Amino acid sequence: MSAQAPTVSVVIPSYKRAHLLEQTLPTYLQDHVIELILVDDCSPDNTPEVMARLMAADSRIRYLRQDRNQGQMAAKNRGKAEARGDFVYFGDDDSVLLPGAIGALLETLRQHPGSVAGAASVYMNHNETSAVAAAARRRKVQTPLEVVDLRHLRFRFDCVADRLLEIAVCPNCFMVETSQARKQDFDSVYKGNAYREETDFLLRVRAQGAPMILDTRAVQVNLPARMSTGGSRKGFWRTEYYVMANSLLMLKRNRQILRELAPGFSGATAMTSLLGERIGGVIRRNRQRGRKLWRMLSARA
């Protein structure tokens, strides 16, 4: 690590998200960030033109384009391989990073060398600002188990705590020493929407002895689904299929570390819990749509 003030490289994979980049990328250009590396996974849209404008506005932005579509794991691997900073933060092209997040995570990692520091993660509703989303939908938590429950595959990073929490595994928005990030690669074995590829990567980093710390002072806000079109989305049922298939693959590949982190862990219990949660989510969404339709029809009557 540099003897001077530590520096951060932000790595963001991107695919067919040109319409979002001018809104999302500038939020990552915070203090301590010496570069933002966007790795374009051979997008068929106007990403090169948008990136040209962004690079003209801020010289810290670097644009790398894959010669063929290889998936976001390959894009992340290329980005971290090219990173020049002491630390690397993995962001998303359809998320915004609230002010002060990079500084908070960097402070945590300087206090806890060799760790991985994750940010809280929330979803923004339509016609809502990122600051409002962060304030309105973050649950107060006290214990790590309220955030990550590996035995039931429950991850609730939409939270706020009055202290740092050492958790079993960080969210996908995290910072780590660049040298540590390069010891493992994101594995392209995860298909479709690549669900669980970050969890797989982080569990392997954890197996090397790196503690996982959640710092809820840092917040990354995901844009509403109707805005974040593009990416690897392939339809609702296809997405749900890969949620289950990739989760099962992640459990099989990381069985030993999961048993060490969660005594009594059972893959069957975890998958049953996940299935119930996904089905419950479908039911809740359909109820909400039904109530909305009923209100619309009642207003017209």
C-alpha atoms as a PDB file:
ATOM      1  CA  MET A   1       0.000   0.000   0.000  1.00  0.00           C
ATOM      2  CA  SER A   2       1.169   3.530  -0.740  1.00  0.00           C
ATOM      3  CA  ALA A   3       2.893   5.464   2.059  1.00  0.00           C
ATOM      4  CA  GLN A   4       0.984   8.550   0.939  1.00  0.00           C
ATOM      5  CA  ALA A   5      -2.757   9.129   1.251  1.00  0.00           C
ATOM      6  CA  PRO A   6      -4.486   5.914   0.120  1.00  0.00           C
ATOM      7  CA  THR A   7      -6.150   5.958  -3.276  1.00  0.00           C
ATOM      8  CA  VAL A   8      -9.223   4.211  -4.649  1.00  0.00           C
ATOM      9  CA  SER A   9     -10.052   2.783  -8.068  1.00  0.00           C
ATOM     10  CA  VAL A  10     -13.752   2.356  -8.828  1.00  0.00           C
ATOM     11  CA  VAL A  11     -14.538  -0.562 -11.153  1.00  0.00           C
ATOM     12  CA  ILE A  12     -17.927  -0.729 -12.875  1.00  0.00           C
ATOM     13  CA  PRO A  13     -18.974  -3.308 -15.475  1.00  0.00           C
ATOM     14  CA  SER A  14     -21.593  -2.124 -17.957  1.00  0.00           C
ATOM     15  CA  TYR A  15     -23.828  -3.535 -20.665  1.00  0.00           C
ATOM     16  CA  LYS A  16     -26.523  -1.627 -22.586  1.00  0.00           C
ATOM     17  CA  ARG A  17     -26.815   1.082 -19.948  1.00  0.00           C
ATOM     18  CA  ALA A  18     -25.748   4.134 -21.955  1.00  0.00           C
ATOM     19  CA  HIS A  19     -28.950   5.947 -20.930  1.00  0.00           C
ATOM     20  CA  LEU A  20     -27.928   5.781 -17.247  1.00  0.00           C
ATOM     21  CA  LEU A  21     -24.198   6.465 -17.230  1.00  0.00           C
ATOM     22  CA  GLU A  22     -24.339  10.264 -17.120  1.00  0.00           C
ATOM     23  CA  GLN A  23     -26.575   9.978 -14.042  1.00  0.00           C
ATOM     24  CA  THR A  24     -24.716   7.236 -12.172  1.00  0.00           C
ATOM     25  CA  LEU A  25     -20.982   7.493 -12.884  1.00  0.00           C
ATOM     26  CA  PRO A  26     -20.371  11.025 -11.534  1.00  0.00           C
ATOM     27  CA  THR A  27     -21.633   9.957  -8.092  1.00  0.00           C
ATOM     28  CA  TYR A  28     -18.648   7.597  -7.742  1.00  0.00           C
ATOM     29  CA  LEU A  29     -16.078  10.343  -8.388  1.00  0.00           C
ATOM     30  CA  GLN A  30     -15.653  11.202  -4.719  1.00  0.00           C
ATOM     31  CA  ASP A  31     -12.605  12.198  -2.687  1.00  0.00           C
ATOM     32  CA  HIS A  32      -9.727   9.668  -2.774  1.00  0.00           C
ATOM     33  CA  VAL A  33     -10.920   8.243  -6.119  1.00  0.00           C
ATOM     34  CA  ILE A  34      -8.070   8.493  -8.630  1.00  0.00           C
ATOM     35  CA  GLU A  35      -9.896   6.647 -11.408  1.00  0.00           C
ATOM     36  CA  LEU A  36     -13.220   5.200 -12.410  1.00  0.00           C
ATOM     37  CA  ILE A  37     -12.772   2.250 -14.741  1.00  0.00           C
ATOM     38  CA  LEU A  38     -15.881   1.433 -16.745  1.00  0.00           C
ATOM     39  CA  VAL A  39     -15.569  -1.890 -18.560  1.00  0.00           C
ATOM     40  CA  ASP A  40     -18.063  -2.014 -21.411  1.00  0.00           C
ATOM     41  CA  ASP A  41     -19.024  -5.623 -22.136  1.00  0.00           C
ATOM     42  CA  CYS A  42     -19.376  -4.926 -25.868  1.00  0.00           C
ATOM     43  CA  SER A  43     -22.645  -2.987 -25.566  1.00  0.00           C
ATOM     44  CA  PRO A  44     -24.595  -2.569 -28.834  1.00  0.00           C
ATOM     45  CA  ASP A  45     -25.880   0.886 -27.811  1.00  0.00           C
ATOM     46  CA  ASN A  46     -24.174   4.308 -27.795  1.00  0.00           C
ATOM     47  CA  THR A  47     -22.057   3.665 -24.689  1.00  0.00           C
ATOM     48  CA  PRO A  48     -18.815   4.772 -26.471  1.00  0.00           C
ATOM     49  CA  GLU A  49     -20.294   8.181 -27.316  1.00  0.00           C
ATOM     50  CA  VAL A  50     -21.625   8.718 -23.802  1.00  0.00           C
ATOM     51  CA  MET A  51     -18.284   7.720 -22.295  1.00  0.00           C
ATOM     52  CA  ALA A  52     -16.447  10.137 -24.578  1.00  0.00           C
ATOM     53  CA  ARG A  53     -18.493  12.995 -23.095  1.00  0.00           C
ATOM     54  CA  LEU A  54     -17.910  11.805 -19.545  1.00  0.00           C
ATOM     55  CA  MET A  55     -14.170  11.412 -20.043  1.00  0.00           C
ATOM     56  CA  ALA A  56     -13.984  14.925 -21.489  1.00  0.00           C
ATOM     57  CA  ALA A  57     -15.656  16.213 -18.314  1.00  0.00           C
ATOM     58  CA  ASP A  58     -13.428  14.302 -15.849  1.00  0.00           C
ATOM     59  CA  SER A  59      -9.991  12.932 -16.672  1.00  0.00           C
ATOM     60  CA  ARG A  60     -10.260  10.301 -13.915  1.00  0.00           C
ATOM     61  CA  ILE A  61     -12.698   8.270 -16.005  1.00  0.00           C
ATOM     62  CA  ARG A  62     -11.204   5.396 -18.003  1.00  0.00           C
ATOM     63  CA  TYR A  63     -13.119   3.458 -20.644  1.00  0.00           C
ATOM     64  CA  LEU A  64     -12.281  -0.139 -21.503  1.00  0.00           C
ATOM     65  CA  ARG A  65     -14.327  -2.035 -24.075  1.00  0.00           C
ATOM     66  CA  GLN A  66     -14.421  -5.804 -24.390  1.00  0.00           C
ATOM     67  CA  ASP A  67     -14.012  -7.074 -27.955  1.00  0.00           C
ATOM     68  CA  ARG A  68     -16.941  -9.468 -27.393  1.00  0.00           C
ATOM     69  CA  ASN A  69     -19.648  -9.981 -24.803  1.00  0.00           C
ATOM     70  CA  GLN A  70     -18.149 -12.093 -21.999  1.00  0.00           C
ATOM     71  CA  GLY A  71     -20.354 -11.322 -19.004  1.00  0.00           C
ATOM     72  CA  GLN A  72     -19.954  -8.979 -16.056  1.00  0.00           C
ATOM     73  CA  MET A  73     -17.563 -11.320 -14.224  1.00  0.00           C
ATOM     74  CA  ALA A  74     -14.983 -11.033 -17.002  1.00  0.00           C
ATOM     75  CA  ALA A  75     -15.525  -7.259 -17.036  1.00  0.00           C
ATOM     76  CA  LYS A  76     -14.868  -7.003 -13.295  1.00  0.00           C
ATOM     77  CA  ASN A  77     -11.769  -9.168 -13.594  1.00  0.00           C
ATOM     78  CA  ARG A  78     -10.363  -6.924 -16.302  1.00  0.00           C
ATOM     79  CA  GLY A  79     -11.169  -3.812 -14.317  1.00  0.00           C
ATOM     80  CA  LYS A  80      -9.461  -4.931 -11.125  1.00  0.00           C
ATOM     81  CA  ALA A  81      -6.458  -6.175 -13.097  1.00  0.00           C
ATOM     82  CA  GLU A  82      -5.995  -2.641 -14.484  1.00  0.00           C
ATOM     83  CA  ALA A  83      -6.710  -0.784 -11.236  1.00  0.00           C
ATOM     84  CA  ARG A  84      -3.982   1.615 -10.099  1.00  0.00           C
ATOM     85  CA  GLY A  85      -5.364   2.543  -6.682  1.00  0.00           C
ATOM     86  CA  ASP A  86      -4.454   1.036  -3.326  1.00  0.00           C
ATOM     87  CA  PHE A  87      -8.086  -0.019  -2.921  1.00  0.00           C
ATOM     88  CA  VAL A  88     -10.796  -0.971  -5.388  1.00  0.00           C
ATOM     89  CA  TYR A  89     -14.509  -0.303  -5.006  1.00  0.00           C
ATOM     90  CA  PHE A  90     -16.925  -2.353  -7.109  1.00  0.00           C
ATOM     91  CA  GLY A  91     -19.936  -0.324  -8.197  1.00  0.00           C
ATOM     92  CA  ASP A  92     -22.854  -0.743 -10.603  1.00  0.00           C
ATOM     93  CA  ASP A  93     -23.897   1.127 -13.709  1.00  0.00           C
ATOM     94  CA  ASP A  94     -27.514   1.299 -12.521  1.00  0.00           C
ATOM     95  CA  SER A  95     -26.781   2.554  -8.998  1.00  0.00           C
ATOM     96  CA  VAL A  96     -25.745   5.851  -7.465  1.00  0.00           C
ATOM     97  CA  LEU A  97     -23.317   6.207  -4.574  1.00  0.00           C
ATOM     98  CA  LEU A  98     -24.287   8.718  -1.925  1.00  0.00           C
ATOM     99  CA  PRO A  99     -21.749  11.400  -0.923  1.00  0.00           C
ATOM    100  CA  GLY A 100     -19.121  10.411   1.630  1.00  0.00           C
ATOM    101  CA  ALA A 101     -19.404   6.679   0.986  1.00  0.00           C
ATOM    102  CA  ILE A 102     -15.888   6.221  -0.375  1.00  0.00           C
ATOM    103  CA  GLY A 103     -14.359   8.145   2.528  1.00  0.00           C
ATOM    104  CA  ALA A 104     -16.318   6.137   5.108  1.00  0.00           C
ATOM    105  CA  LEU A 105     -15.316   2.761   3.645  1.00  0.00           C
ATOM    106  CA  LEU A 106     -11.713   3.862   3.317  1.00  0.00           C
ATOM    107  CA  GLU A 107     -11.655   4.921   6.976  1.00  0.00           C
ATOM    108  CA  THR A 108     -13.049   1.518   7.977  1.00  0.00           C
ATOM    109  CA  LEU A 109     -10.413  -0.351   5.989  1.00  0.00           C
ATOM    110  CA  ARG A 110      -7.593   1.758   7.407  1.00  0.00           C
ATOM    111  CA  GLN A 111      -8.852   0.900  10.900  1.00  0.00           C
ATOM    112  CA  HIS A 112      -9.270  -2.794   9.988  1.00  0.00           C
ATOM    113  CA  PRO A 113      -6.467  -3.731   7.578  1.00  0.00           C
ATOM    114  CA  GLY A 114      -7.031  -6.810   5.459  1.00  0.00           C
ATOM    115  CA  SER A 115     -10.821  -6.598   5.688  1.00  0.00           C
ATOM    116  CA  VAL A 116     -13.553  -6.113   3.098  1.00  0.00           C
ATOM    117  CA  ALA A 117     -15.879  -3.166   3.721  1.00  0.00           C
ATOM    118  CA  GLY A 118     -19.411  -3.179   2.322  1.00  0.00           C
ATOM    119  CA  ALA A 119     -21.946  -0.372   1.950  1.00  0.00           C
ATOM    120  CA  ALA A 120     -25.634  -0.484   2.757  1.00  0.00           C
ATOM    121  CA  SER A 121     -27.791  -1.023  -0.318  1.00  0.00           C
ATOM    122  CA  VAL A 122     -31.329   0.224  -0.935  1.00  0.00           C
ATOM    123  CA  TYR A 123     -33.742   0.416  -3.868  1.00  0.00           C
ATOM    124  CA  MET A 124     -35.239   3.657  -5.076  1.00  0.00           C
ATOM    125  CA  ASN A 125     -38.911   3.946  -5.979  1.00  0.00           C
ATOM    126  CA  HIS A 126     -40.085   5.715  -9.112  1.00  0.00           C
ATOM    127  CA  ASN A 127     -40.272   9.526  -8.788  1.00  0.00           C
ATOM    128  CA  GLU A 128     -38.060   9.469  -5.704  1.00  0.00           C
ATOM    129  CA  THR A 129     -34.589  10.856  -5.014  1.00  0.00           C
ATOM    130  CA  SER A 130     -31.718   8.670  -3.866  1.00  0.00           C
ATOM    131  CA  ALA A 131     -31.442  10.587  -0.580  1.00  0.00           C
ATOM    132  CA  VAL A 132     -35.126  10.040   0.166  1.00  0.00           C
ATOM    133  CA  ALA A 133     -34.806   6.334  -0.612  1.00  0.00           C
ATOM    134  CA  ALA A 134     -31.828   5.997   1.726  1.00  0.00           C
ATOM    135  CA  ALA A 135     -33.671   7.743   4.545  1.00  0.00           C
ATOM    136  CA  ALA A 136     -37.064   6.116   4.085  1.00  0.00           C
ATOM    137  CA  ARG A 137     -36.334   2.429   3.661  1.00  0.00           C
ATOM    138  CA  ARG A 138     -33.413   1.570   5.899  1.00  0.00           C
ATOM    139  CA  ARG A 139     -34.155  -0.698   8.839  1.00  0.00           C
ATOM    140  CA  LYS A 140     -32.439  -0.143  12.159  1.00  0.00           C
ATOM    141  CA  VAL A 141     -30.385  -3.237  13.034  1.00  0.00           C
ATOM    142  CA  GLN A 142     -28.301  -4.229  16.026  1.00  0.00           C
ATOM    143  CA  THR A 143     -26.806  -7.618  15.186  1.00  0.00           C
ATOM    144  CA  PRO A 144     -25.037  -9.162  12.172  1.00  0.00           C
ATOM    145  CA  LEU A 145     -27.660 -11.932  11.920  1.00  0.00           C
ATOM    146  CA  GLU A 146     -30.302  -9.310  11.144  1.00  0.00           C
ATOM    147  CA  VAL A 147     -28.287  -8.483   8.039  1.00  0.00           C
ATOM    148  CA  VAL A 148     -26.951 -11.838   6.818  1.00  0.00           C
ATOM    149  CA  ASP A 149     -28.519 -15.183   7.687  1.00  0.00           C
ATOM    150  CA  LEU A 150     -26.648 -17.779   5.639  1.00  0.00           C
ATOM    151  CA  ARG A 151     -28.683 -20.701   6.964  1.00  0.00           C
ATOM    152  CA  HIS A 152     -31.757 -19.244   5.249  1.00  0.00           C
ATOM    153  CA  LEU A 153     -29.971 -17.319   2.471  1.00  0.00           C
ATOM    154  CA  ARG A 154     -31.386 -14.035   3.727  1.00  0.00           C
ATOM    155  CA  PHE A 155     -29.451 -10.885   2.917  1.00  0.00           C
ATOM    156  CA  ARG A 156     -30.895  -7.560   4.115  1.00  0.00           C
ATOM    157  CA  PHE A 157     -28.438  -4.801   3.341  1.00  0.00           C
ATOM    158  CA  ASP A 158     -31.134  -2.096   3.366  1.00  0.00           C
ATOM    159  CA  CYS A 159     -30.219  -1.229   6.931  1.00  0.00           C
ATOM    160  CA  VAL A 160     -28.602   1.272   9.241  1.00  0.00           C
ATOM    161  CA  ALA A 161     -26.583   0.574  12.391  1.00  0.00           C
ATOM    162  CA  ASP A 162     -24.902   2.793  14.953  1.00  0.00           C
ATOM    163  CA  ARG A 163     -21.670   0.812  14.682  1.00  0.00           C
ATOM    164  CA  LEU A 164     -19.673  -1.292  12.268  1.00  0.00           C
ATOM    165  CA  LEU A 165     -20.985  -4.842  11.939  1.00  0.00           C
ATOM    166  CA  GLU A 166     -18.800  -7.832  11.161  1.00  0.00           C
ATOM    167  CA  ILE A 167     -20.999  -9.959   8.932  1.00  0.00           C
ATOM    168  CA  ALA A 168     -20.636 -13.323   7.203  1.00  0.00           C
ATOM    169  CA  VAL A 169     -20.426 -11.840   3.711  1.00  0.00           C
ATOM    170  CA  CYS A 170     -20.612  -8.313   2.277  1.00  0.00           C
ATOM    171  CA  PRO A 171     -23.075  -6.969  -0.306  1.00  0.00           C
ATOM    172  CA  ASN A 172     -22.021  -6.568  -3.932  1.00  0.00           C
ATOM    173  CA  CYS A 173     -21.068  -2.908  -3.322  1.00  0.00           C
ATOM    174  CA  PHE A 174     -17.800  -3.253  -1.437  1.00  0.00           C
ATOM    175  CA  MET A 175     -14.236  -1.988  -1.118  1.00  0.00           C
ATOM    176  CA  VAL A 176     -11.129  -4.125  -0.703  1.00  0.00           C
ATOM    177  CA  GLU A 177      -7.373  -3.730  -1.031  1.00  0.00           C
ATOM    178  CA  THR A 178      -6.443  -4.077  -4.685  1.00  0.00           C
ATOM    179  CA  SER A 179      -3.806  -6.682  -3.908  1.00  0.00           C
ATOM    180  CA  GLN A 180      -6.435  -8.761  -2.085  1.00  0.00           C
ATOM    181  CA  ALA A 181      -8.933  -8.420  -4.930  1.00  0.00           C
ATOM    182  CA  ARG A 182      -6.396  -9.789  -7.375  1.00  0.00           C
ATOM    183  CA  LYS A 183      -5.911 -13.015  -5.424  1.00  0.00           C
ATOM    184  CA  GLN A 184      -9.302 -14.256  -6.625  1.00  0.00           C
ATOM    185  CA  ASP A 185     -11.240 -13.806  -9.846  1.00  0.00           C
ATOM    186  CA  PHE A 186     -14.964 -13.521 -10.300  1.00  0.00           C
ATOM    187  CA  ASP A 187     -16.008 -16.874 -11.760  1.00  0.00           C
ATOM    188  CA  SER A 188     -17.810 -16.932 -15.106  1.00  0.00           C
ATOM    189  CA  VAL A 189     -19.504 -20.216 -14.196  1.00  0.00           C
ATOM    190  CA  TYR A 190     -22.567 -18.182 -13.100  1.00  0.00           C
ATOM    191  CA  LYS A 191     -24.901 -17.791 -16.068  1.00  0.00           C
ATOM    192  CA  GLY A 192     -27.899 -15.686 -17.044  1.00  0.00           C
ATOM    193  CA  ASN A 193     -28.131 -12.757 -14.635  1.00  0.00           C
ATOM    194  CA  ALA A 194     -24.952 -13.994 -12.844  1.00  0.00           C
ATOM    195  CA  TYR A 195     -26.857 -14.043  -9.556  1.00  0.00           C
ATOM    196  CA  ARG A 196     -24.608 -14.984  -6.584  1.00  0.00           C
ATOM    197  CA  GLU A 197     -21.331 -14.353  -8.420  1.00  0.00           C
ATOM    198  CA  GLU A 198     -20.360 -11.632  -5.918  1.00  0.00           C
ATOM    199  CA  THR A 199     -21.305 -13.870  -2.986  1.00  0.00           C
ATOM    200  CA  ASP A 200     -19.163 -16.644  -4.431  1.00  0.00           C
ATOM    201  CA  PHE A 201     -16.201 -14.272  -4.849  1.00  0.00           C
ATOM    202  CA  LEU A 202     -16.570 -12.853  -1.354  1.00  0.00           C
ATOM    203  CA  LEU A 203     -16.880 -16.252   0.293  1.00  0.00           C
ATOM    204  CA  ARG A 204     -13.602 -17.297  -1.319  1.00  0.00           C
ATOM    205  CA  VAL A 205     -11.991 -14.072  -0.121  1.00  0.00           C
ATOM    206  CA  ARG A 206     -13.415 -14.768   3.334  1.00  0.00           C
ATOM    207  CA  ALA A 207     -11.891 -18.263   3.244  1.00  0.00           C
ATOM    208  CA  GLN A 208      -8.495 -16.586   2.888  1.00  0.00           C
ATOM    209  CA  GLY A 209      -9.024 -14.928   6.270  1.00  0.00           C
ATOM    210  CA  ALA A 210     -10.434 -11.527   5.292  1.00  0.00           C
ATOM    211  CA  PRO A 211     -13.126 -10.278   7.737  1.00  0.00           C
ATOM    212  CA  MET A 212     -16.280  -8.765   6.219  1.00  0.00           C
ATOM    213  CA  ILE A 213     -17.451  -5.460   7.690  1.00  0.00           C
ATOM    214  CA  LEU A 214     -20.647  -3.554   6.937  1.00  0.00           C
ATOM    215  CA  ASP A 215     -20.358   0.223   7.240  1.00  0.00           C
ATOM    216  CA  THR A 216     -23.864   1.658   6.923  1.00  0.00           C
ATOM    217  CA  ARG A 217     -22.533   5.210   6.754  1.00  0.00           C
ATOM    218  CA  ALA A 218     -21.857   4.331   3.117  1.00  0.00           C
ATOM    219  CA  VAL A 219     -24.962   3.844   0.956  1.00  0.00           C
ATOM    220  CA  GLN A 220     -25.408   2.716  -2.632  1.00  0.00           C
ATOM    221  CA  VAL A 221     -28.873   3.292  -4.091  1.00  0.00           C
ATOM    222  CA  ASN A 222     -30.213   1.106  -6.892  1.00  0.00           C
ATOM    223  CA  LEU A 223     -32.307   2.905  -9.495  1.00  0.00           C
ATOM    224  CA  PRO A 224     -35.923   1.780 -10.089  1.00  0.00           C
ATOM    225  CA  ALA A 225     -36.395  -1.183 -12.414  1.00  0.00           C
ATOM    226  CA  ARG A 226     -38.268   0.904 -14.968  1.00  0.00           C
ATOM    227  CA  MET A 227     -35.169   3.104 -15.302  1.00  0.00           C
ATOM    228  CA  SER A 228     -32.444   0.462 -15.181  1.00  0.00           C
ATOM    229  CA  THR A 229     -33.388  -1.297 -18.380  1.00  0.00           C
ATOM    230  CA  GLY A 230     -30.664  -3.089 -20.320  1.00  0.00           C
ATOM    231  CA  GLY A 231     -28.023  -5.073 -18.474  1.00  0.00           C
ATOM    232  CA  SER A 232     -28.461  -8.841 -18.322  1.00  0.00           C
ATOM    233  CA  ARG A 233     -32.211  -8.891 -17.621  1.00  0.00           C
ATOM    234  CA  LYS A 234     -33.994 -11.515 -19.725  1.00  0.00           C
ATOM    235  CA  GLY A 235     -37.558 -11.462 -18.415  1.00  0.00           C
ATOM    236  CA  PHE A 236     -39.164 -12.264 -15.073  1.00  0.00           C
ATOM    237  CA  TRP A 237     -39.317 -16.075 -15.187  1.00  0.00           C
ATOM    238  CA  ARG A 238     -35.888 -16.432 -16.748  1.00  0.00           C
ATOM    239  CA  THR A 239     -34.508 -14.225 -13.981  1.00  0.00           C
ATOM    240  CA  GLU A 240     -36.213 -16.312 -11.303  1.00  0.00           C
ATOM    241  CA  TYR A 241     -34.802 -19.489 -12.844  1.00  0.00           C
ATOM    242  CA  TYR A 242     -31.249 -18.177 -12.633  1.00  0.00           C
ATOM    243  CA  VAL A 243     -31.789 -16.925  -9.079  1.00  0.00           C
ATOM    244  CA  MET A 244     -32.466 -20.499  -8.034  1.00  0.00           C
ATOM    245  CA  ALA A 245     -29.964 -22.237 -10.321  1.00  0.00           C
ATOM    246  CA  ASN A 246     -27.072 -19.920  -9.465  1.00  0.00           C
ATOM    247  CA  SER A 247     -27.909 -20.041  -5.749  1.00  0.00           C
ATOM    248  CA  LEU A 248     -27.753 -23.824  -5.823  1.00  0.00           C
ATOM    249  CA  LEU A 249     -24.427 -23.675  -7.655  1.00  0.00           C
ATOM    250  CA  MET A 250     -23.015 -21.196  -5.125  1.00  0.00           C
ATOM    251  CA  LEU A 251     -24.055 -23.446  -2.234  1.00  0.00           C
ATOM    252  CA  LYS A 252     -22.407 -26.495  -3.765  1.00  0.00           C
ATOM    253  CA  ARG A 253     -19.166 -24.685  -4.547  1.00  0.00           C
ATOM    254  CA  ASN A 254     -18.850 -23.091  -1.117  1.00  0.00           C
ATOM    255  CA  ARG A 255     -20.313 -25.815   1.097  1.00  0.00           C
ATOM    256  CA  GLN A 256     -17.332 -26.016   3.435  1.00  0.00           C
ATOM    257  CA  ILE A 257     -16.914 -22.300   4.106  1.00  0.00           C
ATOM    258  CA  LEU A 258     -20.695 -21.955   4.586  1.00  0.00           C
ATOM    259  CA  ARG A 259     -20.638 -24.688   7.224  1.00  0.00           C
ATOM    260  CA  GLU A 260     -17.801 -22.922   9.001  1.00  0.00           C
ATOM    261  CA  LEU A 261     -19.567 -19.558   8.951  1.00  0.00           C
ATOM    262  CA  ALA A 262     -23.012 -20.924   9.855  1.00  0.00           C
ATOM    263  CA  PRO A 263     -22.844 -24.016  12.102  1.00  0.00           C
ATOM    264  CA  GLY A 264     -25.651 -26.392  11.258  1.00  0.00           C
ATOM    265  CA  PHE A 265     -25.857 -25.065   7.702  1.00  0.00           C
ATOM    266  CA  SER A 266     -27.908 -27.210   5.318  1.00  0.00           C
ATOM    267  CA  GLY A 267     -28.143 -26.596   1.593  1.00  0.00           C
ATOM    268  CA  ALA A 268     -31.651 -28.070   1.510  1.00  0.00           C
ATOM    269  CA  THR A 269     -32.842 -25.712   4.249  1.00  0.00           C
ATOM    270  CA  ALA A 270     -31.251 -22.722   2.527  1.00  0.00           C
ATOM    271  CA  MET A 271     -32.823 -23.491  -0.860  1.00  0.00           C
ATOM    272  CA  THR A 272     -36.242 -24.190   0.662  1.00  0.00           C
ATOM    273  CA  SER A 273     -36.114 -20.853   2.479  1.00  0.00           C
ATOM    274  CA  LEU A 274     -35.039 -19.037  -0.680  1.00  0.00           C
ATOM    275  CA  LEU A 275     -37.835 -20.628  -2.708  1.00  0.00           C
ATOM    276  CA  GLY A 276     -40.395 -19.577  -0.119  1.00  0.00           C
ATOM    277  CA  GLU A 277     -39.054 -16.026  -0.110  1.00  0.00           C
ATOM    278  CA  ARG A 278     -39.175 -15.748  -3.920  1.00  0.00           C
ATOM    279  CA  ILE A 279     -42.722 -17.132  -4.075  1.00  0.00           C
ATOM    280  CA  GLY A 280     -43.756 -14.745  -1.316  1.00  0.00           C
ATOM    281  CA  GLY A 281     -42.295 -11.856  -3.293  1.00  0.00           C
ATOM    282  CA  VAL A 282     -44.332 -12.812  -6.368  1.00  0.00           C
ATOM    283  CA  ILE A 283     -47.519 -12.974  -4.288  1.00  0.00           C
ATOM    284  CA  ARG A 284     -46.865  -9.581  -2.695  1.00  0.00           C
ATOM    285  CA  ARG A 285     -46.163  -7.934  -6.055  1.00  0.00           C
ATOM    286  CA  ASN A 286     -49.338  -9.350  -7.577  1.00  0.00           C
ATOM    287  CA  ARG A 287     -51.389  -8.149  -4.604  1.00  0.00           C
ATOM    288  CA  GLN A 288     -49.966  -4.650  -4.986  1.00  0.00           C
ATOM    289  CA  ARG A 289     -50.735  -4.650  -8.714  1.00  0.00           C
ATOM    290  CA  GLY A 290     -54.243  -5.900  -8.036  1.00  0.00           C
ATOM    291  CA  ARG A 291     -54.893  -3.150  -5.478  1.00  0.00           C
ATOM    292  CA  LYS A 292     -53.532  -0.523  -7.892  1.00  0.00           C
ATOM    293  CA  LEU A 293     -55.773  -1.795 -10.692  1.00  0.00           C
ATOM    294  CA  TRP A 294     -58.782  -1.789  -8.363  1.00  0.00           C
ATOM    295  CA  ARG A 295     -58.124   1.815  -7.348  1.00  0.00           C
ATOM    296  CA  MET A 296     -57.846   2.839 -11.010  1.00  0.00           C
ATOM    297  CA  LEU A 297     -61.117   1.118 -11.916  1.00  0.00           C
ATOM    298  CA  SER A 298     -62.882   2.563  -8.870  1.00  0.00           C
ATOM    299  CA  ALA A 299     -61.731   6.080  -9.764  1.00  0.00           C
ATOM    300  CA  ARG A 300     -63.171   5.726 -13.276  1.00  0.00           C
ATOM    301  CA  ALA A 301     -66.502   4.283 -12.093  1.00  0.00           C
END
